[in-house]
Every structure is written in structure tokens, then in C-alpha cells.
């Protein structure tokens, strides 16, 4: 499992980090972000690439799980 910590990053960096992570493990990835824009962009990217996306709030951050 790859967990991408993209907190403090502005787009498109979280999306690019997610793209690299799914190259290593194309079946499952976790991404943690700290802003709504990154949450929406990463979620859209994953859905457009065939992933089911689960989003949960962890303190003030968002944890996105992309599952193939």
C-alpha cells in the first residue's frame, strides 16, 4: 500500500504525487490532503482512472482511498 502525504501542497502537486503512487501499486492508494481543492482534484483524477474513491475526515485533513 502506498500512502501519499500531500498536506501543505497546492495543486497540481497532490495529483502528480497520486499519479506516481498508482504506478507502484495500481490496485490501492491512500492520499492525505489538507484542503478542499486538493481533495476534489485528487478524487476526480482517481475516478477518471477507474478507481472507487472513499473520503473520510481525519482531524482537519482528508484521507482519500482509491480502490480498483
C-alpha atoms as a PDB file:
ATOM      1  CA  UNK A   1       0.000   0.000   0.000  1.00  0.00           C
ATOM      2  CA  UNK A   2       1.192   3.463  -0.818  1.00  0.00           C
ATOM      3  CA  UNK A   3       0.182   6.390   1.335  1.00  0.00           C
ATOM      4  CA  UNK A   4       0.782   9.789  -0.190  1.00  0.00           C
ATOM      5  CA  UNK A   5       1.127  12.666   2.257  1.00  0.00           C
ATOM      6  CA  UNK A   6       0.272  15.729   0.208  1.00  0.00           C
ATOM      7  CA  UNK A   7      -0.557  18.041   3.098  1.00  0.00           C
ATOM      8  CA  UNK A   8       0.713  21.555   2.535  1.00  0.00           C
ATOM      9  CA  UNK A   9       0.916  21.004  -1.229  1.00  0.00           C
ATOM     10  CA  UNK A  10      -1.015  23.074  -3.736  1.00  0.00           C
ATOM     11  CA  UNK A  11      -2.401  21.637  -6.939  1.00  0.00           C
ATOM     12  CA  UNK A  12      -1.335  20.103  -9.192  1.00  0.00           C
ATOM     13  CA  UNK A  13       1.281  18.557  -6.855  1.00  0.00           C
ATOM     14  CA  UNK A  14      -1.131  16.232  -4.949  1.00  0.00           C
ATOM     15  CA  UNK A  15      -2.484  14.887  -8.260  1.00  0.00           C
ATOM     16  CA  UNK A  16       1.031  14.316  -9.614  1.00  0.00           C
ATOM     17  CA  UNK A  17       2.041  12.537  -6.401  1.00  0.00           C
ATOM     18  CA  UNK A  18      -1.057  10.338  -6.679  1.00  0.00           C
ATOM     19  CA  UNK A  19      -0.266   9.559 -10.303  1.00  0.00           C
ATOM     20  CA  UNK A  20       3.221   8.388  -9.317  1.00  0.00           C
ATOM     21  CA  UNK A  21       1.867   6.307  -6.427  1.00  0.00           C
ATOM     22  CA  UNK A  22      -0.577   4.349  -8.599  1.00  0.00           C
ATOM     23  CA  UNK A  23       2.307   3.383 -10.880  1.00  0.00           C
ATOM     24  CA  UNK A  24       3.818   1.496  -7.908  1.00  0.00           C
ATOM     25  CA  UNK A  25       0.562  -0.044  -6.696  1.00  0.00           C
ATOM     26  CA  UNK A  26      -2.231   0.189  -9.267  1.00  0.00           C
ATOM     27  CA  UNK A  27      -4.851  -1.520  -7.068  1.00  0.00           C
ATOM     28  CA  UNK A  28      -4.930   0.664  -3.941  1.00  0.00           C
ATOM     29  CA  UNK A  29      -3.645   4.026  -2.818  1.00  0.00           C
ATOM     30  CA  UNK A  30      -4.226   6.358   0.136  1.00  0.00           C
ATOM     31  CA  UNK A  31      -3.749  10.102  -0.146  1.00  0.00           C
ATOM     32  CA  UNK A  32      -3.917  12.564   2.711  1.00  0.00           C
ATOM     33  CA  UNK A  33      -4.541  16.228   1.866  1.00  0.00           C
ATOM     34  CA  UNK A  34      -5.368  19.285   3.910  1.00  0.00           C
ATOM     35  CA  UNK A  35      -7.539  21.378   1.613  1.00  0.00           C
ATOM     36  CA  UNK A  36     -10.794  21.006  -0.276  1.00  0.00           C
ATOM     37  CA  UNK A  37      -9.328  21.837  -3.702  1.00  0.00           C
ATOM     38  CA  UNK A  38      -6.767  19.037  -3.464  1.00  0.00           C
ATOM     39  CA  UNK A  39      -9.469  16.667  -2.179  1.00  0.00           C
ATOM     40  CA  UNK A  40     -11.680  17.399  -5.178  1.00  0.00           C
ATOM     41  CA  UNK A  41      -8.857  17.261  -7.750  1.00  0.00           C
ATOM     42  CA  UNK A  42      -7.357  14.003  -6.454  1.00  0.00           C
ATOM     43  CA  UNK A  43     -10.813  12.436  -6.174  1.00  0.00           C
ATOM     44  CA  UNK A  44     -11.635  13.430  -9.765  1.00  0.00           C
ATOM     45  CA  UNK A  45      -8.295  12.101 -11.017  1.00  0.00           C
ATOM     46  CA  UNK A  46      -8.834   8.735  -9.318  1.00  0.00           C
ATOM     47  CA  UNK A  47     -12.422   8.390 -10.558  1.00  0.00           C
ATOM     48  CA  UNK A  48     -11.339   9.263 -14.106  1.00  0.00           C
ATOM     49  CA  UNK A  49      -8.781   6.446 -13.863  1.00  0.00           C
ATOM     50  CA  UNK A  50     -11.301   3.818 -12.797  1.00  0.00           C
ATOM     51  CA  UNK A  51     -10.946   3.943  -9.011  1.00  0.00           C
ATOM     52  CA  UNK A  52     -13.670   3.828  -6.407  1.00  0.00           C
ATOM     53  CA  UNK A  53     -12.936   6.670  -4.005  1.00  0.00           C
ATOM     54  CA  UNK A  54     -13.677   6.723  -0.283  1.00  0.00           C
ATOM     55  CA  UNK A  55     -13.165  10.024   1.529  1.00  0.00           C
ATOM     56  CA  UNK A  56     -13.006  10.448   5.289  1.00  0.00           C
ATOM     57  CA  UNK A  57     -12.045  13.339   7.518  1.00  0.00           C
ATOM     58  CA  UNK A  58      -9.126  12.818   9.874  1.00  0.00           C
ATOM     59  CA  UNK A  59      -8.880  15.765  12.248  1.00  0.00           C
ATOM     60  CA  UNK A  60      -8.636  18.713   9.825  1.00  0.00           C
ATOM     61  CA  UNK A  61      -7.326  16.621   6.921  1.00  0.00           C
ATOM     62  CA  UNK A  62      -8.958  14.441   4.284  1.00  0.00           C
ATOM     63  CA  UNK A  63      -7.986  10.809   3.713  1.00  0.00           C
ATOM     64  CA  UNK A  64      -8.813   9.541   0.240  1.00  0.00           C
ATOM     65  CA  UNK A  65      -8.696   5.834  -0.533  1.00  0.00           C
ATOM     66  CA  UNK A  66      -8.551   4.821  -4.177  1.00  0.00           C
ATOM     67  CA  UNK A  67      -9.564   1.207  -4.774  1.00  0.00           C
ATOM     68  CA  UNK A  68      -9.528  -0.549  -8.158  1.00  0.00           C
END
